[in-house]
PDB file of N, CA and C in Angstrom:
ATOM      1  N   MET A   1     -25.951-147.654  -6.400  1.00  0.00           N
ATOM      2  CA  MET A   1     -27.317-147.191  -6.378  1.00  0.00           C
ATOM      3  C   MET A   1     -27.823-147.044  -7.811  1.00  0.00           C
ATOM      4  N   ALA A   2     -28.731-147.865  -8.209  1.00  0.00           N
ATOM      5  CA  ALA A   2     -29.289-147.811  -9.570  1.00  0.00           C
ATOM      6  C   ALA A   2     -30.479-146.855  -9.583  1.00  0.00           C
ATOM      7  N   LEU A   3     -30.525-146.028 -10.598  1.00  0.00           N
ATOM      8  CA  LEU A   3     -31.644-145.111 -10.746  1.00  0.00           C
ATOM      9  C   LEU A   3     -32.824-145.832 -11.382  1.00  0.00           C
ATOM     10  N   SER A   4     -34.035-145.421 -11.019  1.00  0.00           N
ATOM     11  CA  SER A   4     -35.214-145.983 -11.674  1.00  0.00           C
ATOM     12  C   SER A   4     -35.252-145.471 -13.109  1.00  0.00           C
ATOM     13  N   ARG A   5     -36.031-146.125 -13.945  1.00  0.00           N
ATOM     14  CA  ARG A   5     -36.087-145.729 -15.352  1.00  0.00           C
ATOM     15  C   ARG A   5     -36.620-144.303 -15.508  1.00  0.00           C
ATOM     16  N   ILE A   6     -37.510-143.886 -14.634  1.00  0.00           N
ATOM     17  CA  ILE A   6     -38.047-142.528 -14.730  1.00  0.00           C
ATOM     18  C   ILE A   6     -36.986-141.486 -14.380  1.00  0.00           C
ATOM     19  N   GLU A   7     -35.979-141.870 -13.597  1.00  0.00           N
ATOM     20  CA  GLU A   7     -34.903-140.964 -13.222  1.00  0.00           C
ATOM     21  C   GLU A   7     -33.781-140.916 -14.267  1.00  0.00           C
ATOM     22  N   GLN A   8     -33.792-141.811 -15.233  1.00  0.00           N
ATOM     23  CA  GLN A   8     -32.734-141.888 -16.235  1.00  0.00           C
ATOM     24  C   GLN A   8     -33.022-140.920 -17.386  1.00  0.00           C
ATOM     25  N   GLU A   9     -32.985-139.644 -17.056  1.00  0.00           N
ATOM     26  CA  GLU A   9     -33.350-138.622 -18.025  1.00  0.00           C
ATOM     27  C   GLU A   9     -32.187-138.206 -18.912  1.00  0.00           C
ATOM     28  N   VAL A  10     -32.542-137.540 -20.003  1.00  0.00           N
ATOM     29  CA  VAL A  10     -31.581-136.931 -20.920  1.00  0.00           C
ATOM     30  C   VAL A  10     -32.078-135.513 -21.178  1.00  0.00           C
ATOM     31  N   VAL A  11     -31.216-134.529 -20.941  1.00  0.00           N
ATOM     32  CA  VAL A  11     -31.591-133.129 -21.124  1.00  0.00           C
ATOM     33  C   VAL A  11     -30.553-132.467 -22.022  1.00  0.00           C
ATOM     34  N   ILE A  12     -31.017-131.897 -23.129  1.00  0.00           N
ATOM     35  CA  ILE A  12     -30.136-131.164 -24.041  1.00  0.00           C
ATOM     36  C   ILE A  12     -30.506-129.692 -23.941  1.00  0.00           C
ATOM     37  N   SER A  13     -29.503-128.845 -23.734  1.00  0.00           N
ATOM     38  CA  SER A  13     -29.792-127.411 -23.656  1.00  0.00           C
ATOM     39  C   SER A  13     -28.771-126.615 -24.466  1.00  0.00           C
ATOM     40  N   PHE A  14     -29.253-125.510 -25.036  1.00  0.00           N
ATOM     41  CA  PHE A  14     -28.396-124.583 -25.768  1.00  0.00           C
ATOM     42  C   PHE A  14     -29.128-123.257 -25.854  1.00  0.00           C
ATOM     43  N   ASN A  15     -28.400-122.229 -26.235  1.00  0.00           N
ATOM     44  CA  ASN A  15     -29.028-120.917 -26.377  1.00  0.00           C
ATOM     45  C   ASN A  15     -28.703-120.346 -27.754  1.00  0.00           C
ATOM     46  N   ALA A  16     -29.313-119.223 -28.058  1.00  0.00           N
ATOM     47  CA  ALA A  16     -29.159-118.618 -29.385  1.00  0.00           C
ATOM     48  C   ALA A  16     -27.785-117.990 -29.591  1.00  0.00           C
ATOM     49  N   GLU A  17     -27.104-117.626 -28.524  1.00  0.00           N
ATOM     50  CA  GLU A  17     -25.832-116.907 -28.629  1.00  0.00           C
ATOM     51  C   GLU A  17     -24.647-117.827 -28.881  1.00  0.00           C
ATOM     52  N   GLU A  18     -24.587-118.937 -28.172  1.00  0.00           N
ATOM     53  CA  GLU A  18     -23.405-119.806 -28.219  1.00  0.00           C
ATOM     54  C   GLU A  18     -23.546-120.906 -29.273  1.00  0.00           C
ATOM     55  N   ASP A  19     -22.413-121.443 -29.686  1.00  0.00           N
ATOM     56  CA  ASP A  19     -22.389-122.481 -30.718  1.00  0.00           C
ATOM     57  C   ASP A  19     -22.382-123.895 -30.153  1.00  0.00           C
ATOM     58  N   THR A  20     -22.398-124.025 -28.830  1.00  0.00           N
ATOM     59  CA  THR A  20     -22.332-125.350 -28.219  1.00  0.00           C
ATOM     60  C   THR A  20     -23.632-125.708 -27.519  1.00  0.00           C
ATOM     61  N   ALA A  21     -23.852-127.004 -27.388  1.00  0.00           N
ATOM     62  CA  ALA A  21     -24.986-127.544 -26.638  1.00  0.00           C
ATOM     63  C   ALA A  21     -24.428-128.359 -25.484  1.00  0.00           C
ATOM     64  N   ASP A  22     -25.176-128.409 -24.396  1.00  0.00           N
ATOM     65  CA  ASP A  22     -24.843-129.261 -23.257  1.00  0.00           C
ATOM     66  C   ASP A  22     -25.842-130.395 -23.202  1.00  0.00           C
ATOM     67  N   LEU A  23     -25.361-131.567 -22.879  1.00  0.00           N
ATOM     68  CA  LEU A  23     -26.233-132.719 -22.714  1.00  0.00           C
ATOM     69  C   LEU A  23     -25.951-133.323 -21.347  1.00  0.00           C
ATOM     70  N   TYR A  24     -26.986-133.387 -20.517  1.00  0.00           N
ATOM     71  CA  TYR A  24     -26.904-134.036 -19.212  1.00  0.00           C
ATOM     72  C   TYR A  24     -27.668-135.338 -19.335  1.00  0.00           C
ATOM     73  N   THR A  25     -27.107-136.427 -18.822  1.00  0.00           N
ATOM     74  CA  THR A  25     -27.828-137.685 -18.856  1.00  0.00           C
ATOM     75  C   THR A  25     -27.538-138.541 -17.627  1.00  0.00           C
ATOM     76  N   ALA A  26     -28.589-139.209 -17.182  1.00  0.00           N
ATOM     77  CA  ALA A  26     -28.473-140.212 -16.131  1.00  0.00           C
ATOM     78  C   ALA A  26     -28.883-141.564 -16.703  1.00  0.00           C
ATOM     79  N   ASN A  27     -28.891-141.654 -18.023  1.00  0.00           N
ATOM     80  CA  ASN A  27     -29.279-142.872 -18.730  1.00  0.00           C
ATOM     81  C   ASN A  27     -28.015-143.604 -19.184  1.00  0.00           C
ATOM     82  N   PRO A  28     -27.790-144.838 -18.695  1.00  0.00           N
ATOM     83  CA  PRO A  28     -26.559-145.556 -19.039  1.00  0.00           C
ATOM     84  C   PRO A  28     -26.338-145.740 -20.543  1.00  0.00           C
ATOM     85  N   SER A  29     -27.397-145.970 -21.299  1.00  0.00           N
ATOM     86  CA  SER A  29     -27.237-146.139 -22.753  1.00  0.00           C
ATOM     87  C   SER A  29     -26.721-144.863 -23.403  1.00  0.00           C
ATOM     88  N   TRP A  30     -27.247-143.726 -22.984  1.00  0.00           N
ATOM     89  CA  TRP A  30     -26.787-142.446 -23.527  1.00  0.00           C
ATOM     90  C   TRP A  30     -25.368-142.149 -23.076  1.00  0.00           C
ATOM     91  N   MET A  31     -25.025-142.501 -21.833  1.00  0.00           N
ATOM     92  CA  MET A  31     -23.647-142.284 -21.382  1.00  0.00           C
ATOM     93  C   MET A  31     -22.682-143.100 -22.236  1.00  0.00           C
ATOM     94  N   ASN A  32     -23.018-144.352 -22.524  1.00  0.00           N
ATOM     95  CA  ASN A  32     -22.162-145.186 -23.372  1.00  0.00           C
ATOM     96  C   ASN A  32     -22.024-144.588 -24.761  1.00  0.00           C
ATOM     97  N   LYS A  33     -23.142-144.150 -25.331  1.00  0.00           N
ATOM     98  CA  LYS A  33     -23.134-143.555 -26.670  1.00  0.00           C
ATOM     99  C   LYS A  33     -22.253-142.308 -26.709  1.00  0.00           C
ATOM    100  N   LEU A  34     -22.421-141.419 -25.725  1.00  0.00           N
ATOM    101  CA  LEU A  34     -21.642-140.179 -25.692  1.00  0.00           C
ATOM    102  C   LEU A  34     -20.184-140.446 -25.357  1.00  0.00           C
ATOM    103  N   ASP A  35     -19.908-141.411 -24.475  1.00  0.00           N
ATOM    104  CA  ASP A  35     -18.511-141.755 -24.171  1.00  0.00           C
ATOM    105  C   ASP A  35     -17.779-142.215 -25.430  1.00  0.00           C
ATOM    106  N   LYS A  36     -18.469-142.976 -26.284  1.00  0.00           N
ATOM    107  CA  LYS A  36     -17.860-143.420 -27.546  1.00  0.00           C
ATOM    108  C   LYS A  36     -17.587-142.225 -28.458  1.00  0.00           C
ATOM    109  N   LEU A  37     -18.519-141.278 -28.503  1.00  0.00           N
ATOM    110  CA  LEU A  37     -18.319-140.086 -29.332  1.00  0.00           C
ATOM    111  C   LEU A  37     -17.158-139.246 -28.807  1.00  0.00           C
ATOM    112  N   VAL A  38     -17.020-139.146 -27.487  1.00  0.00           N
ATOM    113  CA  VAL A  38     -15.889-138.417 -26.902  1.00  0.00           C
ATOM    114  C   VAL A  38     -14.578-139.088 -27.304  1.00  0.00           C
ATOM    115  N   LYS A  39     -14.567-140.413 -27.275  1.00  0.00           N
ATOM    116  CA  LYS A  39     -13.350-141.154 -27.598  1.00  0.00           C
ATOM    117  C   LYS A  39     -12.979-141.030 -29.080  1.00  0.00           C
ATOM    118  N   THR A  40     -13.979-141.120 -29.956  1.00  0.00           N
ATOM    119  CA  THR A  40     -13.700-141.111 -31.393  1.00  0.00           C
ATOM    120  C   THR A  40     -13.650-139.706 -31.985  1.00  0.00           C
ATOM    121  N   ASN A  41     -14.259-138.722 -31.312  1.00  0.00           N
ATOM    122  CA  ASN A  41     -14.304-137.353 -31.820  1.00  0.00           C
ATOM    123  C   ASN A  41     -13.998-136.350 -30.707  1.00  0.00           C
ATOM    124  N   PRO A  42     -12.801-136.423 -30.122  1.00  0.00           N
ATOM    125  CA  PRO A  42     -12.494-135.554 -28.977  1.00  0.00           C
ATOM    126  C   PRO A  42     -12.466-134.059 -29.309  1.00  0.00           C
ATOM    127  N   GLY A  43     -12.316-133.715 -30.563  1.00  0.00           N
ATOM    128  CA  GLY A  43     -12.342-132.313 -30.943  1.00  0.00           C
ATOM    129  C   GLY A  43     -13.734-131.720 -30.952  1.00  0.00           C
ATOM    130  N   GLN A  44     -14.749-132.580 -30.984  1.00  0.00           N
ATOM    131  CA  GLN A  44     -16.128-132.099 -31.067  1.00  0.00           C
ATOM    132  C   GLN A  44     -16.950-132.429 -29.823  1.00  0.00           C
ATOM    133  N   PHE A  45     -16.695-133.564 -29.204  1.00  0.00           N
ATOM    134  CA  PHE A  45     -17.450-133.982 -28.021  1.00  0.00           C
ATOM    135  C   PHE A  45     -16.526-134.008 -26.813  1.00  0.00           C
ATOM    136  N   ARG A  46     -16.984-133.410 -25.695  1.00  0.00           N
ATOM    137  CA  ARG A  46     -16.181-133.409 -24.478  1.00  0.00           C
ATOM    138  C   ARG A  46     -17.047-133.787 -23.284  1.00  0.00           C
ATOM    139  N   LEU A  47     -16.507-134.630 -22.437  1.00  0.00           N
ATOM    140  CA  LEU A  47     -17.117-134.927 -21.145  1.00  0.00           C
ATOM    141  C   LEU A  47     -16.714-133.805 -20.209  1.00  0.00           C
ATOM    142  N   ILE A  48     -17.676-133.135 -19.590  1.00  0.00           N
ATOM    143  CA  ILE A  48     -17.311-132.009 -18.727  1.00  0.00           C
ATOM    144  C   ILE A  48     -17.649-132.242 -17.261  1.00  0.00           C
ATOM    145  N   GLU A  49     -18.420-133.288 -16.953  1.00  0.00           N
ATOM    146  CA  GLU A  49     -18.728-133.546 -15.548  1.00  0.00           C
ATOM    147  C   GLU A  49     -19.211-134.981 -15.375  1.00  0.00           C
ATOM    148  N   THR A  50     -18.761-135.611 -14.307  1.00  0.00           N
ATOM    149  CA  THR A  50     -19.226-136.948 -13.933  1.00  0.00           C
ATOM    150  C   THR A  50     -19.711-136.883 -12.493  1.00  0.00           C
ATOM    151  N   ASN A  51     -20.927-137.352 -12.257  1.00  0.00           N
ATOM    152  CA  ASN A  51     -21.499-137.370 -10.914  1.00  0.00           C
ATOM    153  C   ASN A  51     -21.597-138.802 -10.412  1.00  0.00           C
ATOM    154  N   THR A  52     -21.159-139.019  -9.191  1.00  0.00           N
ATOM    155  CA  THR A  52     -21.188-140.352  -8.599  1.00  0.00           C
ATOM    156  C   THR A  52     -22.016-140.345  -7.321  1.00  0.00           C
ATOM    157  N   CYS A  53     -22.498-141.511  -6.959  1.00  0.00           N
ATOM    158  CA  CYS A  53     -23.209-141.720  -5.704  1.00  0.00           C
ATOM    159  C   CYS A  53     -22.782-143.078  -5.181  1.00  0.00           C
ATOM    160  N   GLN A  54     -22.258-143.118  -3.997  1.00  0.00           N
ATOM    161  CA  GLN A  54     -21.767-144.350  -3.387  1.00  0.00           C
ATOM    162  C   GLN A  54     -20.747-145.051  -4.292  1.00  0.00           C
ATOM    163  N   GLY A  55     -19.902-144.244  -4.919  1.00  0.00           N
ATOM    164  CA  GLY A  55     -18.834-144.768  -5.750  1.00  0.00           C
ATOM    165  C   GLY A  55     -19.239-145.205  -7.145  1.00  0.00           C
ATOM    166  N   LYS A  56     -20.509-145.053  -7.515  1.00  0.00           N
ATOM    167  CA  LYS A  56     -20.968-145.452  -8.850  1.00  0.00           C
ATOM    168  C   LYS A  56     -21.358-144.214  -9.649  1.00  0.00           C
ATOM    169  N   VAL A  57     -21.026-144.227 -10.931  1.00  0.00           N
ATOM    170  CA  VAL A  57     -21.391-143.122 -11.817  1.00  0.00           C
ATOM    171  C   VAL A  57     -22.906-143.147 -12.009  1.00  0.00           C
ATOM    172  N   VAL A  58     -23.546-142.015 -11.733  1.00  0.00           N
ATOM    173  CA  VAL A  58     -24.996-141.934 -11.910  1.00  0.00           C
ATOM    174  C   VAL A  58     -25.401-140.975 -13.029  1.00  0.00           C
ATOM    175  N   SER A  59     -24.521-140.027 -13.365  1.00  0.00           N
ATOM    176  CA  SER A  59     -24.848-139.113 -14.456  1.00  0.00           C
ATOM    177  C   SER A  59     -23.573-138.465 -14.988  1.00  0.00           C
ATOM    178  N   LYS A  60     -23.695-137.933 -16.202  1.00  0.00           N
ATOM    179  CA  LYS A  60     -22.584-137.236 -16.840  1.00  0.00           C
ATOM    180  C   LYS A  60     -23.126-136.057 -17.625  1.00  0.00           C
ATOM    181  N   ARG A  61     -22.243-135.098 -17.861  1.00  0.00           N
ATOM    182  CA  ARG A  61     -22.589-133.931 -18.661  1.00  0.00           C
ATOM    183  C   ARG A  61     -21.545-133.770 -19.758  1.00  0.00           C
ATOM    184  N   TYR A  62     -22.009-133.510 -20.951  1.00  0.00           N
ATOM    185  CA  TYR A  62     -21.159-133.404 -22.136  1.00  0.00           C
ATOM    186  C   TYR A  62     -21.429-132.079 -22.826  1.00  0.00           C
ATOM    187  N   THR A  63     -20.503-131.668 -23.681  1.00  0.00           N
ATOM    188  CA  THR A  63     -20.714-130.517 -24.549  1.00  0.00           C
ATOM    189  C   THR A  63     -20.295-130.894 -25.969  1.00  0.00           C
ATOM    190  N   PHE A  64     -20.970-130.298 -26.932  1.00  0.00           N
ATOM    191  CA  PHE A  64     -20.701-130.578 -28.347  1.00  0.00           C
ATOM    192  C   PHE A  64     -21.315-129.458 -29.179  1.00  0.00           C
ATOM    193  N   PRO A  65     -20.963-129.353 -30.466  1.00  0.00           N
ATOM    194  CA  PRO A  65     -21.529-128.302 -31.316  1.00  0.00           C
ATOM    195  C   PRO A  65     -23.050-128.442 -31.437  1.00  0.00           C
ATOM    196  N   LYS A  66     -23.764-127.357 -31.245  1.00  0.00           N
ATOM    197  CA  LYS A  66     -25.228-127.444 -31.277  1.00  0.00           C
ATOM    198  C   LYS A  66     -25.759-127.761 -32.677  1.00  0.00           C
ATOM    199  N   ARG A  67     -24.938-127.592 -33.689  1.00  0.00           N
ATOM    200  CA  ARG A  67     -25.398-127.943 -35.049  1.00  0.00           C
ATOM    201  C   ARG A  67     -25.654-129.448 -35.176  1.00  0.00           C
ATOM    202  N   PHE A  68     -25.166-130.242 -34.221  1.00  0.00           N
ATOM    203  CA  PHE A  68     -25.403-131.685 -34.239  1.00  0.00           C
ATOM    204  C   PHE A  68     -26.780-132.067 -33.712  1.00  0.00           C
ATOM    205  N   VAL A  69     -27.487-131.120 -33.107  1.00  0.00           N
ATOM    206  CA  VAL A  69     -28.822-131.397 -32.577  1.00  0.00           C
ATOM    207  C   VAL A  69     -29.819-131.293 -33.719  1.00  0.00           C
ATOM    208  N   SER A  70     -30.668-132.304 -33.860  1.00  0.00           N
ATOM    209  CA  SER A  70     -31.704-132.259 -34.889  1.00  0.00           C
ATOM    210  C   SER A  70     -32.950-132.979 -34.383  1.00  0.00           C
ATOM    211  N   ILE A  71     -34.063-132.655 -34.997  1.00  0.00           N
ATOM    212  CA  ILE A  71     -35.331-133.290 -34.660  1.00  0.00           C
ATOM    213  C   ILE A  71     -35.929-133.819 -35.949  1.00  0.00           C
ATOM    214  N   ARG A  72     -36.370-135.043 -35.913  1.00  0.00           N
ATOM    215  CA  ARG A  72     -37.010-135.633 -37.089  1.00  0.00           C
ATOM    216  C   ARG A  72     -38.501-135.335 -37.047  1.00  0.00           C
ATOM    217  N   SER A  73     -39.067-135.045 -38.189  1.00  0.00           N
ATOM    218  CA  SER A  73     -40.486-134.735 -38.242  1.00  0.00           C
ATOM    219  C   SER A  73     -41.354-135.972 -38.431  1.00  0.00           C
ATOM    220  N   LYS A  74     -40.746-137.074 -38.845  1.00  0.00           N
ATOM    221  CA  LYS A  74     -41.521-138.302 -39.024  1.00  0.00           C
ATOM    222  C   LYS A  74     -40.583-139.494 -39.038  1.00  0.00           C
ATOM    223  N   ASP A  75     -41.147-140.651 -38.796  1.00  0.00           N
ATOM    224  CA  ASP A  75     -40.380-141.884 -38.906  1.00  0.00           C
ATOM    225  C   ASP A  75     -40.122-142.158 -40.381  1.00  0.00           C
ATOM    226  N   VAL A  76     -38.931-142.621 -40.668  1.00  0.00           N
ATOM    227  CA  VAL A  76     -38.587-142.954 -42.039  1.00  0.00           C
ATOM    228  C   VAL A  76     -38.752-144.456 -42.199  1.00  0.00           C
ATOM    229  N   LYS A  77     -39.652-144.836 -43.060  1.00  0.00           N
ATOM    230  CA  LYS A  77     -39.886-146.254 -43.310  1.00  0.00           C
ATOM    231  C   LYS A  77     -39.588-146.540 -44.770  1.00  0.00           C
ATOM    232  N   ARG A  78     -38.676-147.478 -44.974  1.00  0.00           N
ATOM    233  CA  ARG A  78     -38.299-147.815 -46.340  1.00  0.00           C
ATOM    234  C   ARG A  78     -39.227-148.887 -46.882  1.00  0.00           C
ATOM    235  N   GLU A  79     -39.703-148.686 -48.068  1.00  0.00           N
ATOM    236  CA  GLU A  79     -40.494-149.695 -48.769  1.00  0.00           C
ATOM    237  C   GLU A  79     -39.563-150.407 -49.738  1.00  0.00           C
ATOM    238  N   LEU A  80     -39.351-151.693 -49.513  1.00  0.00           N
ATOM    239  CA  LEU A  80     -38.424-152.463 -50.336  1.00  0.00           C
ATOM    240  C   LEU A  80     -39.176-153.442 -51.225  1.00  0.00           C
ATOM    241  N   THR A  81     -38.648-153.638 -52.424  1.00  0.00           N
ATOM    242  CA  THR A  81     -39.197-154.672 -53.292  1.00  0.00           C
ATOM    243  C   THR A  81     -38.628-156.014 -52.834  1.00  0.00           C
ATOM    244  N   GLU A  82     -39.206-157.085 -53.317  1.00  0.00           N
ATOM    245  CA  GLU A  82     -38.702-158.425 -52.975  1.00  0.00           C
ATOM    246  C   GLU A  82     -37.253-158.598 -53.440  1.00  0.00           C
ATOM    247  N   GLU A  83     -36.926-158.037 -54.610  1.00  0.00           N
ATOM    248  CA  GLU A  83     -35.562-158.125 -55.125  1.00  0.00           C
ATOM    249  C   GLU A  83     -34.579-157.400 -54.197  1.00  0.00           C
ATOM    250  N   GLN A  84     -34.973-156.227 -53.720  1.00  0.00           N
ATOM    251  CA  GLN A  84     -34.109-155.480 -52.799  1.00  0.00           C
ATOM    252  C   GLN A  84     -33.914-156.242 -51.485  1.00  0.00           C
ATOM    253  N   ARG A  85     -34.978-156.849 -50.982  1.00  0.00           N
ATOM    254  CA  ARG A  85     -34.870-157.651 -49.752  1.00  0.00           C
ATOM    255  C   ARG A  85     -33.926-158.828 -49.954  1.00  0.00           C
ATOM    256  N   GLU A  86     -34.023-159.461 -51.097  1.00  0.00           N
ATOM    257  CA  GLU A  86     -33.154-160.604 -51.399  1.00  0.00           C
ATOM    258  C   GLU A  86     -31.700-160.158 -51.487  1.00  0.00           C
ATOM    259  N   GLU A  87     -31.436-159.017 -52.141  1.00  0.00           N
ATOM    260  CA  GLU A  87     -30.073-158.486 -52.233  1.00  0.00           C
ATOM    261  C   GLU A  87     -29.499-158.173 -50.846  1.00  0.00           C
ATOM    262  N   ILE A  88     -30.303-157.576 -50.002  1.00  0.00           N
ATOM    263  CA  ILE A  88     -29.861-157.258 -48.644  1.00  0.00           C
ATOM    264  C   ILE A  88     -29.580-158.531 -47.868  1.00  0.00           C
ATOM    265  N   SER A  89     -30.445-159.513 -48.016  1.00  0.00           N
ATOM    266  CA  SER A  89     -30.269-160.791 -47.322  1.00  0.00           C
ATOM    267  C   SER A  89     -28.977-161.478 -47.759  1.00  0.00           C
ATOM    268  N   ILE A  90     -28.704-161.430 -49.059  1.00  0.00           N
ATOM    269  CA  ILE A  90     -27.473-162.045 -49.576  1.00  0.00           C
ATOM    270  C   ILE A  90     -26.246-161.314 -49.026  1.00  0.00           C
ATOM    271  N   ARG A  91     -26.306-159.979 -48.996  1.00  0.00           N
ATOM    272  CA  ARG A  91     -25.189-159.219 -48.445  1.00  0.00           C
ATOM    273  C   ARG A  91     -24.968-159.521 -46.967  1.00  0.00           C
ATOM    274  N   LEU A  92     -26.041-159.678 -46.226  1.00  0.00           N
ATOM    275  CA  LEU A  92     -25.919-159.952 -44.785  1.00  0.00           C
ATOM    276  C   LEU A  92     -25.517-161.385 -44.477  1.00  0.00           C
ATOM    277  N   HIS A  93     -26.082-162.319 -45.199  1.00  0.00           N
ATOM    278  CA  HIS A  93     -25.898-163.729 -44.869  1.00  0.00           C
ATOM    279  C   HIS A  93     -25.091-164.515 -45.872  1.00  0.00           C
ATOM    280  N   GLY A  94     -24.683-163.895 -46.946  1.00  0.00           N
ATOM    281  CA  GLY A  94     -23.956-164.611 -47.986  1.00  0.00           C
ATOM    282  C   GLY A  94     -24.935-165.253 -48.953  1.00  0.00           C
ATOM    283  N   SER A  95     -24.427-165.932 -49.976  1.00  0.00           N
ATOM    284  CA  SER A  95     -25.295-166.543 -50.980  1.00  0.00           C
ATOM    285  C   SER A  95     -26.092-167.671 -50.342  1.00  0.00           C
ATOM    286  N   ARG A  96     -27.273-167.901 -50.858  1.00  0.00           N
ATOM    287  CA  ARG A  96     -28.150-168.941 -50.298  1.00  0.00           C
ATOM    288  C   ARG A  96     -28.190-170.148 -51.164  1.00  0.00           C
TER     289      ARG A  96
END
């Protein structure tokens, strides 16, 4: 059973008392991202619940330190000179 895109939510919750945050997600991209973090950083990220429907995973819940939660106030756009673009291109694609 595939969830519609509107049902693929991500909810992060935490309180002022505790040092951990909970993240619930029904979004496959977020589940993949968090599963990788659990695998590479098991001391900080933990999978605490998996929900299935008709044998398929539909959502998961994770916990991690709330200090990892941040909000950006603006998009960061880098202004590059032509020389910087050329250097990046050479690094990515090799000499031209």
